[in-house]
């Protein structure tokens, strides 16, 4: 096991706390609000997450980072997670429409542009941030779906079980990746965390 940088741990803990603060108290979320949140989440992630993980895979310099991204990408493709997410949305009667895609467009484009830089430290940071913050928003999505009568919680069940392991795996990966010749690694990590939180804020706030 590779040692995780303590400063990095603190940054990710702060990022996770910020993401959690975006989640409205469940007792104050109407059915319409619950549908809107799920729609926006699906609009942002269904068609993009595989590409973002692929960007991390091909840009990683560290062997540890490459392994983490490749393993996660393999699972996402093998188990067809986009269809899993779409079934979750269907069961919740919360499939996105053009309005939802337009709503998250600017934040999604910022992430796409970041990924297209093919910077290993940026892309591994993105994956690390999403895997760590998901410990807050995946259970939250499950509760919203239950409120809407959804019985197919495969997506949230699978990600709830796996993401703790993946979160630690990517923390190790980023600790290793940041050491490999990046001139402004700390700034790039900070900027990526800000962009990731911007996307999550747009979806959940």
Protein backbone atom coordinates (compact mmCIF):
# COMPACT_ATOMS: atom_id res chain seq x y z
CA UNK A 1 0.00 0.00 0.00
CA UNK A 2 1.31 3.44 -0.95
CA UNK A 3 1.37 6.17 1.67
CA UNK A 4 -1.29 8.83 1.22
CA UNK A 5 -0.15 12.43 1.46
CA UNK A 6 -1.66 13.98 4.62
CA UNK A 7 -2.23 17.37 3.00
CA UNK A 8 -4.09 15.63 0.20
CA UNK A 9 -6.26 13.79 2.73
CA UNK A 10 -7.22 17.11 4.29
CA UNK A 11 -8.09 18.64 0.91
CA UNK A 12 -10.30 15.72 -0.03
CA UNK A 13 -11.97 15.72 3.40
CA UNK A 14 -12.75 19.42 2.94
CA UNK A 15 -14.03 18.79 -0.59
CA UNK A 16 -16.29 16.00 0.66
CA UNK A 17 -17.64 18.21 3.44
CA UNK A 18 -18.40 20.94 0.90
CA UNK A 19 -20.20 18.48 -1.37
CA UNK A 20 -22.27 17.25 1.57
CA UNK A 21 -23.31 20.82 2.34
CA UNK A 22 -24.97 21.08 -1.09
CA UNK A 23 -27.49 18.35 -0.22
CA UNK A 24 -30.84 19.70 0.88
CA UNK A 25 -32.37 18.09 3.98
CA UNK A 26 -34.45 15.16 2.76
CA UNK A 27 -37.51 16.19 4.74
CA UNK A 28 -37.59 19.44 2.77
CA UNK A 29 -37.30 17.88 -0.71
CA UNK A 30 -40.56 17.60 -2.64
CA UNK A 31 -41.15 14.87 -5.21
CA UNK A 32 -40.64 17.42 -7.99
CA UNK A 33 -37.36 18.53 -6.42
CA UNK A 34 -36.23 14.91 -6.08
CA UNK A 35 -36.96 14.26 -9.76
CA UNK A 36 -35.10 17.42 -10.78
CA UNK A 37 -31.98 16.48 -8.85
CA UNK A 38 -31.90 12.96 -10.31
CA UNK A 39 -32.49 14.31 -13.83
CA UNK A 40 -29.61 16.76 -13.51
CA UNK A 41 -27.31 14.10 -12.10
CA UNK A 42 -28.10 11.73 -14.97
CA UNK A 43 -27.68 14.52 -17.53
CA UNK A 44 -24.22 15.27 -16.17
CA UNK A 45 -22.89 11.75 -15.62
CA UNK A 46 -24.56 9.17 -17.85
CA UNK A 47 -22.90 10.23 -21.08
CA UNK A 48 -19.68 11.63 -19.62
CA UNK A 49 -18.28 9.56 -16.78
CA UNK A 50 -16.76 6.84 -18.98
CA UNK A 51 -14.96 9.47 -21.06
CA UNK A 52 -13.68 11.21 -17.95
CA UNK A 53 -12.39 7.94 -16.52
CA UNK A 54 -10.88 7.11 -19.93
CA UNK A 55 -9.09 10.46 -19.88
CA UNK A 56 -7.62 9.56 -16.50
CA UNK A 57 -6.51 6.19 -17.83
CA UNK A 58 -4.64 7.46 -20.88
CA UNK A 59 -3.09 10.51 -19.20
CA UNK A 60 -1.88 8.95 -15.94
CA UNK A 61 1.90 8.87 -15.53
CA UNK A 62 1.97 6.82 -12.35
CA UNK A 63 1.62 3.04 -12.53
CA UNK A 64 -0.61 3.25 -9.44
CA UNK A 65 -2.85 5.85 -11.10
CA UNK A 66 -3.00 3.93 -14.36
CA UNK A 67 -4.06 0.78 -12.53
CA UNK A 68 -6.75 2.61 -10.53
CA UNK A 69 -8.24 4.24 -13.62
CA UNK A 70 -8.03 1.11 -15.77
CA UNK A 71 -9.63 -1.10 -13.14
CA UNK A 72 -12.49 1.33 -12.59
CA UNK A 73 -12.98 1.82 -16.32
CA UNK A 74 -13.09 -1.95 -16.85
CA UNK A 75 -15.81 -2.34 -14.20
CA UNK A 76 -17.83 0.58 -15.58
CA UNK A 77 -17.82 -0.96 -19.06
CA UNK A 78 -18.19 -4.61 -18.01
CA UNK A 79 -21.26 -3.90 -15.86
CA UNK A 80 -22.67 -1.23 -18.20
CA UNK A 81 -22.99 1.45 -15.55
CA UNK A 82 -24.55 4.00 -17.94
CA UNK A 83 -27.51 1.64 -18.50
CA UNK A 84 -27.61 0.96 -14.77
CA UNK A 85 -27.94 4.70 -14.18
CA UNK A 86 -30.58 5.09 -16.90
CA UNK A 87 -32.65 2.27 -15.35
CA UNK A 88 -32.37 4.05 -12.00
CA UNK A 89 -33.71 7.22 -13.62
CA UNK A 90 -36.53 5.38 -15.40
CA UNK A 91 -37.62 3.65 -12.22
CA UNK A 92 -37.64 7.03 -10.46
CA UNK A 93 -39.63 8.57 -13.35
CA UNK A 94 -36.80 11.08 -13.59
CA UNK A 95 -35.22 10.73 -17.02
CA UNK A 96 -33.56 13.98 -18.13
CA UNK A 97 -34.80 16.14 -20.97
CA UNK A 98 -33.23 18.99 -22.93
CA UNK A 99 -33.82 21.43 -20.08
CA UNK A 100 -31.76 19.31 -17.70
CA UNK A 101 -28.87 18.94 -20.16
CA UNK A 102 -28.90 22.69 -20.76
CA UNK A 103 -28.94 23.40 -17.03
CA UNK A 104 -25.69 21.49 -16.36
CA UNK A 105 -24.09 22.31 -19.72
CA UNK A 106 -21.60 24.98 -18.63
CA UNK A 107 -20.27 22.99 -15.68
CA UNK A 108 -20.06 19.79 -17.75
CA UNK A 109 -18.14 21.65 -20.45
CA UNK A 110 -15.65 22.93 -17.89
CA UNK A 111 -14.98 19.33 -16.84
CA UNK A 112 -14.75 18.17 -20.48
CA UNK A 113 -12.22 20.91 -21.22
CA UNK A 114 -10.21 19.92 -18.17
CA UNK A 115 -10.17 16.26 -19.19
CA UNK A 116 -9.15 17.17 -22.74
CA UNK A 117 -5.95 18.75 -21.40
CA UNK A 118 -4.85 15.14 -20.82
CA UNK A 119 -3.05 16.11 -17.64
CA UNK A 120 -2.66 13.06 -15.46
CA UNK A 121 -2.69 15.02 -12.22
CA UNK A 122 -5.87 16.90 -13.21
CA UNK A 123 -7.73 13.82 -14.38
CA UNK A 124 -6.72 11.67 -11.44
CA UNK A 125 -7.75 14.52 -9.14
CA UNK A 126 -11.16 14.64 -10.85
CA UNK A 127 -11.68 10.91 -10.32
CA UNK A 128 -10.40 11.12 -6.75
CA UNK A 129 -12.80 13.95 -5.98
CA UNK A 130 -15.82 12.20 -7.51
CA UNK A 131 -15.09 8.86 -5.83
CA UNK A 132 -14.58 10.52 -2.44
CA UNK A 133 -17.59 12.85 -2.54
CA UNK A 134 -19.85 10.06 -3.79
CA UNK A 135 -19.94 8.69 -0.24
CA UNK A 136 -22.26 11.63 0.44
CA UNK A 137 -24.32 11.94 -2.70
CA UNK A 138 -24.88 8.29 -3.70
CA UNK A 139 -26.83 7.41 -0.51
CA UNK A 140 -28.67 10.72 -0.94
CA UNK A 141 -29.70 9.80 -4.49
CA UNK A 142 -30.93 6.44 -3.18
CA UNK A 143 -33.16 8.16 -0.64
CA UNK A 144 -34.56 10.49 -3.30
CA UNK A 145 -35.34 7.51 -5.52
CA UNK A 146 -37.07 5.67 -2.67
CA UNK A 147 -39.18 8.75 -2.06
CA UNK A 148 -40.26 8.54 -5.70
CA UNK A 149 -41.15 4.86 -5.40
CA UNK A 150 -38.12 3.47 -7.22
CA UNK A 151 -37.50 -0.23 -6.61
CA UNK A 152 -34.41 -0.62 -8.80
CA UNK A 153 -31.59 0.71 -6.62
CA UNK A 154 -28.90 -1.34 -8.35
CA UNK A 155 -26.97 1.78 -9.36
CA UNK A 156 -26.79 3.26 -5.86
CA UNK A 157 -26.28 -0.14 -4.21
CA UNK A 158 -23.32 -0.99 -6.46
CA UNK A 159 -21.69 2.41 -6.11
CA UNK A 160 -22.33 2.63 -2.41
CA UNK A 161 -20.49 -0.65 -1.85
CA UNK A 162 -17.59 -0.02 -4.20
CA UNK A 163 -16.90 3.69 -3.87
CA UNK A 164 -15.28 3.56 -0.41
CA UNK A 165 -12.66 1.20 -1.78
CA UNK A 166 -12.32 3.25 -4.96
CA UNK A 167 -12.01 6.47 -2.95
CA UNK A 168 -9.03 5.12 -1.03
CA UNK A 169 -7.56 3.64 -4.20
CA UNK A 170 -7.65 6.99 -5.98
CA UNK A 171 -6.25 8.84 -2.96
CA UNK A 172 -3.22 6.56 -3.15
CA UNK A 173 -3.08 7.08 -6.91
CA UNK A 174 -3.16 10.87 -6.65
CA UNK A 175 -0.54 10.84 -3.90
CA UNK A 176 1.73 9.02 -6.33
CA UNK A 177 0.72 10.94 -9.47
CA UNK A 178 1.44 14.40 -8.07
CA UNK A 179 5.12 13.50 -7.59
CA UNK A 180 5.80 12.77 -11.25
CA UNK A 181 7.19 15.93 -12.82
CA UNK A 182 4.23 18.31 -12.74
CA UNK A 183 5.38 21.91 -12.36
CA UNK A 184 2.21 23.20 -10.70
CA UNK A 185 0.67 20.03 -9.28
CA UNK A 186 -0.74 21.61 -6.14
CA UNK A 187 -2.44 24.43 -8.04
CA UNK A 188 -3.82 22.01 -10.63
CA UNK A 189 -5.21 19.80 -7.87
CA UNK A 190 -6.84 22.80 -6.17
CA UNK A 191 -8.33 24.10 -9.42
CA UNK A 192 -9.71 20.68 -10.31
CA UNK A 193 -11.34 20.31 -6.91
CA UNK A 194 -13.03 23.69 -7.39
CA UNK A 195 -14.39 22.66 -10.81
CA UNK A 196 -15.64 19.34 -9.45
CA UNK A 197 -17.47 21.07 -6.63
CA UNK A 198 -18.93 23.51 -9.13
CA UNK A 199 -20.53 20.63 -11.02
CA UNK A 200 -21.88 19.00 -7.86
CA UNK A 201 -23.23 22.32 -6.60
CA UNK A 202 -25.07 22.82 -9.89
CA UNK A 203 -26.66 19.39 -9.64
CA UNK A 204 -27.65 19.29 -5.99
CA UNK A 205 -28.12 22.89 -4.82
